[in-house]
C-alpha atoms as a PDB file:
ATOM      1  CA  MET A   1       0.007  -0.164  -0.166  1.00  0.00           C
ATOM      2  CA  THR A   2       2.911   2.346   0.482  1.00  0.00           C
ATOM      3  CA  ASP A   3       4.062   2.363  -2.976  1.00  0.00           C
ATOM      4  CA  ALA A   4       0.724   2.610  -4.242  1.00  0.00           C
ATOM      5  CA  LEU A   5       0.654   6.181  -1.707  1.00  0.00           C
ATOM      6  CA  TRP A   6       4.297   7.332  -2.983  1.00  0.00           C
ATOM      7  CA  TYR A   7       3.193   6.658  -6.812  1.00  0.00           C
ATOM      8  CA  PHE A   8       0.098   8.394  -6.413  1.00  0.00           C
ATOM      9  CA  ALA A   9       1.835  11.431  -4.448  1.00  0.00           C
ATOM     10  CA  ARG A  10       4.149  11.729  -7.446  1.00  0.00           C
ATOM     11  CA  GLY A  11       1.765  11.593 -10.216  1.00  0.00           C
ATOM     12  CA  THR A  12      -0.664  13.993  -8.780  1.00  0.00           C
ATOM     13  CA  GLY A  13       2.446  16.075  -8.064  1.00  0.00           C
ATOM     14  CA  VAL A  14       3.651  16.395 -11.923  1.00  0.00           C
ATOM     15  CA  VAL A  15      -0.281  16.502 -13.167  1.00  0.00           C
ATOM     16  CA  THR A  16      -0.830  19.672 -10.601  1.00  0.00           C
ATOM     17  CA  LEU A  17       2.208  21.230 -12.377  1.00  0.00           C
ATOM     18  CA  VAL A  18       0.738  20.591 -15.683  1.00  0.00           C
ATOM     19  CA  LEU A  19      -2.880  22.125 -14.800  1.00  0.00           C
ATOM     20  CA  LEU A  20      -1.438  24.979 -12.740  1.00  0.00           C
ATOM     21  CA  THR A  21       0.485  25.704 -16.101  1.00  0.00           C
ATOM     22  CA  ILE A  22      -2.486  25.360 -18.236  1.00  0.00           C
ATOM     23  CA  VAL A  23      -4.355  27.656 -15.467  1.00  0.00           C
ATOM     24  CA  VAL A  24      -1.716  30.413 -15.828  1.00  0.00           C
ATOM     25  CA  ALA A  25      -1.421  30.329 -19.314  1.00  0.00           C
ATOM     26  CA  LEU A  26      -5.121  30.683 -19.998  1.00  0.00           C
ATOM     27  CA  GLY A  27      -5.778  32.997 -17.067  1.00  0.00           C
ATOM     28  CA  ILE A  28      -3.203  35.190 -19.095  1.00  0.00           C
ATOM     29  CA  GLY A  29      -5.229  34.515 -22.067  1.00  0.00           C
ATOM     30  CA  ALA A  30      -8.708  35.254 -20.616  1.00  0.00           C
ATOM     31  CA  ARG A  31      -7.683  38.933 -20.037  1.00  0.00           C
ATOM     32  CA  SER A  32      -7.504  39.511 -23.662  1.00  0.00           C
ATOM     33  CA  GLY A  33     -10.369  40.656 -24.954  1.00  0.00           C
ATOM     34  CA  GLN A  34      -9.736  38.387 -27.954  1.00  0.00           C
ATOM     35  CA  PRO A  35      -9.935  34.681 -28.632  1.00  0.00           C
ATOM     36  CA  ALA A  36      -7.061  33.005 -27.113  1.00  0.00           C
ATOM     37  CA  PHE A  37      -5.064  29.810 -28.216  1.00  0.00           C
ATOM     38  CA  GLY A  38      -7.773  28.984 -30.938  1.00  0.00           C
ATOM     39  CA  LEU A  39     -10.706  28.862 -28.508  1.00  0.00           C
ATOM     40  CA  PRO A  40     -13.439  31.387 -27.983  1.00  0.00           C
ATOM     41  CA  ARG A  41     -13.225  33.565 -25.237  1.00  0.00           C
ATOM     42  CA  PHE A  42     -15.850  31.913 -23.136  1.00  0.00           C
ATOM     43  CA  ALA A  43     -14.073  28.354 -23.783  1.00  0.00           C
ATOM     44  CA  VAL A  44     -10.922  29.976 -22.602  1.00  0.00           C
ATOM     45  CA  SER A  45     -12.534  31.046 -19.175  1.00  0.00           C
ATOM     46  CA  MET A  46     -14.358  27.625 -19.002  1.00  0.00           C
ATOM     47  CA  VAL A  47     -11.279  25.675 -19.543  1.00  0.00           C
ATOM     48  CA  HIS A  48      -9.330  28.104 -16.948  1.00  0.00           C
ATOM     49  CA  ARG A  49     -11.735  27.530 -14.170  1.00  0.00           C
ATOM     50  CA  ASN A  50     -12.006  23.808 -14.859  1.00  0.00           C
ATOM     51  CA  ALA A  51      -8.285  23.376 -14.847  1.00  0.00           C
ATOM     52  CA  ALA A  52      -8.221  25.125 -11.749  1.00  0.00           C
ATOM     53  CA  LEU A  53     -10.511  23.125 -10.035  1.00  0.00           C
ATOM     54  CA  LEU A  54      -8.971  19.779 -11.391  1.00  0.00           C
ATOM     55  CA  ALA A  55      -5.642  21.321 -10.032  1.00  0.00           C
ATOM     56  CA  VAL A  56      -6.932  21.741  -6.421  1.00  0.00           C
ATOM     57  CA  VAL A  57      -8.506  18.513  -6.410  1.00  0.00           C
ATOM     58  CA  MET A  58      -5.074  16.876  -7.204  1.00  0.00           C
ATOM     59  CA  VAL A  59      -2.941  19.019  -5.003  1.00  0.00           C
ATOM     60  CA  PHE A  60      -4.960  17.502  -2.185  1.00  0.00           C
ATOM     61  CA  GLY A  61      -4.645  14.252  -3.679  1.00  0.00           C
ATOM     62  CA  HIS A  62      -1.062  14.874  -3.407  1.00  0.00           C
ATOM     63  CA  VAL A  63      -0.978  16.468   0.064  1.00  0.00           C
ATOM     64  CA  VAL A  64      -3.138  13.972   1.613  1.00  0.00           C
ATOM     65  CA  SER A  65      -1.391  10.730   0.251  1.00  0.00           C
ATOM     66  CA  LEU A  66       1.995  11.964   1.024  1.00  0.00           C
ATOM     67  CA  LEU A  67       0.050  12.551   4.893  1.00  0.00           C
ATOM     68  CA  PHE A  68      -0.280   9.015   4.889  1.00  0.00           C
ATOM     69  CA  ASP A  69       2.781   7.680   3.125  1.00  0.00           C
ATOM     70  CA  PRO A  70       5.248   6.357   5.988  1.00  0.00           C
ATOM     71  CA  TYR A  71       8.466   7.121   3.259  1.00  0.00           C
ATOM     72  CA  ALA A  72       7.141  10.885   3.209  1.00  0.00           C
ATOM     73  CA  GLN A  73       6.918  11.526   7.034  1.00  0.00           C
ATOM     74  CA  LEU A  74       5.034  14.503   6.325  1.00  0.00           C
ATOM     75  CA  ARG A  75       3.025  16.446   9.148  1.00  0.00           C
ATOM     76  CA  VAL A  76      -0.163  18.449   9.280  1.00  0.00           C
ATOM     77  CA  PHE A  77       2.241  20.907  10.844  1.00  0.00           C
ATOM     78  CA  ASP A  78       4.408  20.854   7.520  1.00  0.00           C
ATOM     79  CA  LEU A  79       1.186  21.782   5.352  1.00  0.00           C
ATOM     80  CA  VAL A  80       0.730  25.273   7.279  1.00  0.00           C
ATOM     81  CA  LEU A  81       3.932  26.223   8.066  1.00  0.00           C
ATOM     82  CA  PRO A  82       6.836  26.460   5.360  1.00  0.00           C
ATOM     83  CA  PHE A  83      10.356  25.539   5.709  1.00  0.00           C
ATOM     84  CA  VAL A  84       9.860  23.374   8.828  1.00  0.00           C
ATOM     85  CA  GLY A  85       9.575  20.104   7.495  1.00  0.00           C
ATOM     86  CA  ASN A  86      11.971  17.098   8.037  1.00  0.00           C
ATOM     87  CA  TYR A  87      12.665  16.207   4.438  1.00  0.00           C
ATOM     88  CA  ARG A  88      14.739  18.903   2.565  1.00  0.00           C
ATOM     89  CA  PRO A  89      12.786  21.492   4.321  1.00  0.00           C
ATOM     90  CA  PHE A  90      13.317  24.421   2.016  1.00  0.00           C
ATOM     91  CA  TRP A  91      12.034  22.368  -1.285  1.00  0.00           C
ATOM     92  CA  GLN A  92       9.215  21.041   0.479  1.00  0.00           C
ATOM     93  CA  GLY A  93       8.928  24.553   2.142  1.00  0.00           C
ATOM     94  CA  LEU A  94       8.335  26.092  -1.142  1.00  0.00           C
ATOM     95  CA  GLY A  95       5.483  23.519  -1.887  1.00  0.00           C
ATOM     96  CA  THR A  96       4.018  24.318   1.511  1.00  0.00           C
ATOM     97  CA  LEU A  97       3.938  27.754   0.688  1.00  0.00           C
ATOM     98  CA  GLY A  98       2.621  27.553  -2.790  1.00  0.00           C
ATOM     99  CA  PHE A  99       0.047  25.281  -1.129  1.00  0.00           C
ATOM    100  CA  ASP A 100      -0.708  28.252   1.455  1.00  0.00           C
ATOM    101  CA  LEU A 101      -1.322  30.795  -1.566  1.00  0.00           C
ATOM    102  CA  LEU A 102      -3.515  28.164  -3.634  1.00  0.00           C
ATOM    103  CA  ILE A 103      -5.727  27.601  -0.463  1.00  0.00           C
ATOM    104  CA  ALA A 104      -5.907  31.754  -0.336  1.00  0.00           C
ATOM    105  CA  ILE A 105      -6.829  31.750  -4.032  1.00  0.00           C
ATOM    106  CA  VAL A 106      -9.637  29.099  -3.733  1.00  0.00           C
ATOM    107  CA  ILE A 107     -11.194  30.848  -0.340  1.00  0.00           C
ATOM    108  CA  THR A 108     -11.184  34.399  -1.617  1.00  0.00           C
ATOM    109  CA  SER A 109     -12.589  32.702  -4.960  1.00  0.00           C
ATOM    110  CA  LEU A 110     -15.421  31.063  -3.177  1.00  0.00           C
ATOM    111  CA  LEU A 111     -16.101  34.342  -1.579  1.00  0.00           C
ATOM    112  CA  ARG A 112     -15.697  36.412  -4.389  1.00  0.00           C
ATOM    113  CA  GLN A 113     -19.196  37.854  -3.843  1.00  0.00           C
ATOM    114  CA  ARG A 114     -18.743  39.031  -0.300  1.00  0.00           C
ATOM    115  CA  ILE A 115     -15.203  40.501  -0.864  1.00  0.00           C
ATOM    116  CA  GLY A 116     -15.793  42.133  -3.919  1.00  0.00           C
ATOM    117  CA  VAL A 117     -13.780  41.980  -7.042  1.00  0.00           C
ATOM    118  CA  ARG A 118     -10.877  44.314  -6.052  1.00  0.00           C
ATOM    119  CA  VAL A 119      -9.788  42.184  -3.031  1.00  0.00           C
ATOM    120  CA  TRP A 120     -10.651  39.058  -5.086  1.00  0.00           C
ATOM    121  CA  ARG A 121      -8.053  40.209  -7.922  1.00  0.00           C
ATOM    122  CA  ILE A 122      -5.489  41.121  -5.491  1.00  0.00           C
ATOM    123  CA  VAL A 123      -5.556  37.628  -4.250  1.00  0.00           C
ATOM    124  CA  HIS A 124      -5.665  36.104  -7.185  1.00  0.00           C
ATOM    125  CA  TRP A 125      -2.731  37.898  -8.533  1.00  0.00           C
ATOM    126  CA  LEU A 126      -0.706  35.303  -6.273  1.00  0.00           C
ATOM    127  CA  ALA A 127      -1.263  32.563  -8.767  1.00  0.00           C
ATOM    128  CA  TYR A 128       1.792  34.270 -10.444  1.00  0.00           C
ATOM    129  CA  LEU A 129       3.776  33.426  -7.254  1.00  0.00           C
ATOM    130  CA  CYS A 130       2.173  30.030  -6.878  1.00  0.00           C
ATOM    131  CA  TRP A 131       3.175  28.624 -10.216  1.00  0.00           C
ATOM    132  CA  PRO A 132       7.024  29.077  -9.665  1.00  0.00           C
ATOM    133  CA  LEU A 133       6.913  27.930  -6.120  1.00  0.00           C
ATOM    134  CA  ALA A 134       5.330  24.595  -7.538  1.00  0.00           C
ATOM    135  CA  LEU A 135       7.843  24.092 -10.119  1.00  0.00           C
ATOM    136  CA  LEU A 136      10.655  24.537  -7.931  1.00  0.00           C
ATOM    137  CA  HIS A 137       9.179  22.548  -5.066  1.00  0.00           C
ATOM    138  CA  GLY A 138       8.633  19.649  -7.810  1.00  0.00           C
ATOM    139  CA  LEU A 139      12.158  19.797  -9.246  1.00  0.00           C
ATOM    140  CA  GLY A 140      14.175  20.411  -5.894  1.00  0.00           C
ATOM    141  CA  ASN A 141      11.872  17.906  -3.508  1.00  0.00           C
ATOM    142  CA  GLY A 142      10.691  14.937  -5.946  1.00  0.00           C
ATOM    143  CA  THR A 143      12.551  11.820  -6.057  1.00  0.00           C
ATOM    144  CA  ASP A 144      12.090  11.978  -9.481  1.00  0.00           C
ATOM    145  CA  ASN A 145      13.943  15.848  -9.560  1.00  0.00           C
ATOM    146  CA  GLY A 146      17.173  14.345 -11.293  1.00  0.00           C
ATOM    147  CA  THR A 147      15.130  12.512 -14.248  1.00  0.00           C
ATOM    148  CA  TRP A 148      15.129  13.547 -17.685  1.00  0.00           C
ATOM    149  CA  TRP A 149      11.478  13.219 -18.138  1.00  0.00           C
ATOM    150  CA  LEU A 150      10.624  15.627 -15.272  1.00  0.00           C
ATOM    151  CA  TRP A 151      13.090  17.961 -16.486  1.00  0.00           C
ATOM    152  CA  THR A 152      11.090  17.876 -19.984  1.00  0.00           C
ATOM    153  CA  VAL A 153       8.010  18.386 -18.212  1.00  0.00           C
ATOM    154  CA  ALA A 154       9.087  21.356 -16.213  1.00  0.00           C
ATOM    155  CA  ALA A 155      10.625  22.700 -19.401  1.00  0.00           C
ATOM    156  CA  ILE A 156       7.462  22.164 -21.638  1.00  0.00           C
ATOM    157  CA  CYS A 157       5.438  24.008 -18.443  1.00  0.00           C
ATOM    158  CA  ALA A 158       8.008  26.907 -18.504  1.00  0.00           C
ATOM    159  CA  GLY A 159       7.894  27.440 -21.807  1.00  0.00           C
ATOM    160  CA  ALA A 160       4.031  27.795 -22.071  1.00  0.00           C
ATOM    161  CA  VAL A 161       4.066  30.107 -19.112  1.00  0.00           C
ATOM    162  CA  LEU A 162       7.075  32.392 -20.482  1.00  0.00           C
ATOM    163  CA  VAL A 163       5.233  32.429 -23.830  1.00  0.00           C
ATOM    164  CA  ALA A 164       1.863  33.307 -22.321  1.00  0.00           C
ATOM    165  CA  ILE A 165       3.663  35.951 -20.234  1.00  0.00           C
ATOM    166  CA  GLY A 166       5.510  37.236 -23.349  1.00  0.00           C
ATOM    167  CA  TRP A 167       2.186  37.544 -25.190  1.00  0.00           C
ATOM    168  CA  ARG A 168       0.534  39.524 -22.064  1.00  0.00           C
ATOM    169  CA  VAL A 169       3.255  41.976 -22.092  1.00  0.00           C
ATOM    170  CA  SER A 170       3.518  42.568 -25.749  1.00  0.00           C
ATOM    171  CA  PRO A 171       1.726  45.262 -27.951  1.00  0.00           C
ATOM    172  CA  SER A 172      -0.602  42.765 -29.528  1.00  0.00           C
ATOM    173  CA  PHE A 173      -2.022  42.076 -26.214  1.00  0.00           C
ATOM    174  CA  ALA A 174      -5.531  43.861 -26.228  1.00  0.00           C
ATOM    175  CA  ARG A 175      -6.839  43.947 -22.590  1.00  0.00           C
ATOM    176  CA  PHE A 176     -10.343  44.659 -23.252  1.00  0.00           C
ATOM    177  CA  PRO A 177     -12.247  43.889 -27.121  1.00  0.00           C
ATOM    178  CA  ALA A 178     -12.639  47.020 -29.131  1.00  0.00           C
ATOM    179  CA  ARG A 179     -16.050  48.059 -28.983  1.00  0.00           C
ATOM    180  CA  VAL A 180     -17.514  48.807 -31.965  1.00  0.00           C
ATOM    181  CA  ALA A 181     -19.872  51.948 -31.962  1.00  0.00           C
ATOM    182  CA  ARG A 182     -23.668  50.790 -31.981  1.00  0.00           C
ATOM    183  CA  ARG A 183     -25.515  52.673 -34.970  1.00  0.00           C
ATOM    184  CA  VAL A 184     -28.788  53.982 -33.545  1.00  0.00           C
ATOM    185  CA  PRO A 185     -30.974  54.699 -36.678  1.00  0.00           C
ATOM    186  CA  GLN A 186     -31.879  57.904 -37.505  1.00  0.00           C
ATOM    187  CA  ARG A 187     -35.539  58.505 -37.260  1.00  0.00           C
ATOM    188  CA  SER A 188     -36.691  60.865 -39.520  1.00  0.00           C
ATOM    189  CA  LEU A 189     -38.664  64.238 -38.448  1.00  0.00           C
ATOM    190  CA  GLN A 190     -41.926  62.776 -39.795  1.00  0.00           C
ATOM    191  CA  GLU A 191     -41.863  59.538 -37.971  1.00  0.00           C
ATOM    192  CA  VAL A 192     -41.024  61.498 -34.217  1.00  0.00           C
ATOM    193  CA  ARG A 193     -44.214  63.943 -35.264  1.00  0.00           C
END
């Protein structure tokens, strides 16, 4: 059973990184007023939201499986306070910090109607910090950190986010769609009388 938990924790960690990459790239794309990545605007928003929900599920699976895995020796305490873990405390702390930020993003997203869009948006910007923390955590703390396939996945994820950020800061990125002036039909003077 412990091998299954360990493989599940490793798998969910990698899948979470890929999903968070999709979330960040599509989150950037959703800020554009144009179709992004070949998808209409509504589809970009829906895939962004659904990938974010799936990423949260995967990260919880990752954390819970490590809590019960005797090899990992993760304590509940390690989930809240970063940099105090027994195994590679710095790299584990990056994961804890990313997890804490993700929890803050989830809570504020659930309370968006009550806290207002401005507060939600400020906290939501933490996603830009959450992604590199997850990337560094996986590369530094995972048992697969020296394997070619994990570095390949990490490089592809980093490339996707860098391309999205490059597009975001480019002049071709339009924050809001150009509004077409609505033509109001002119009524003739005779129609008005």
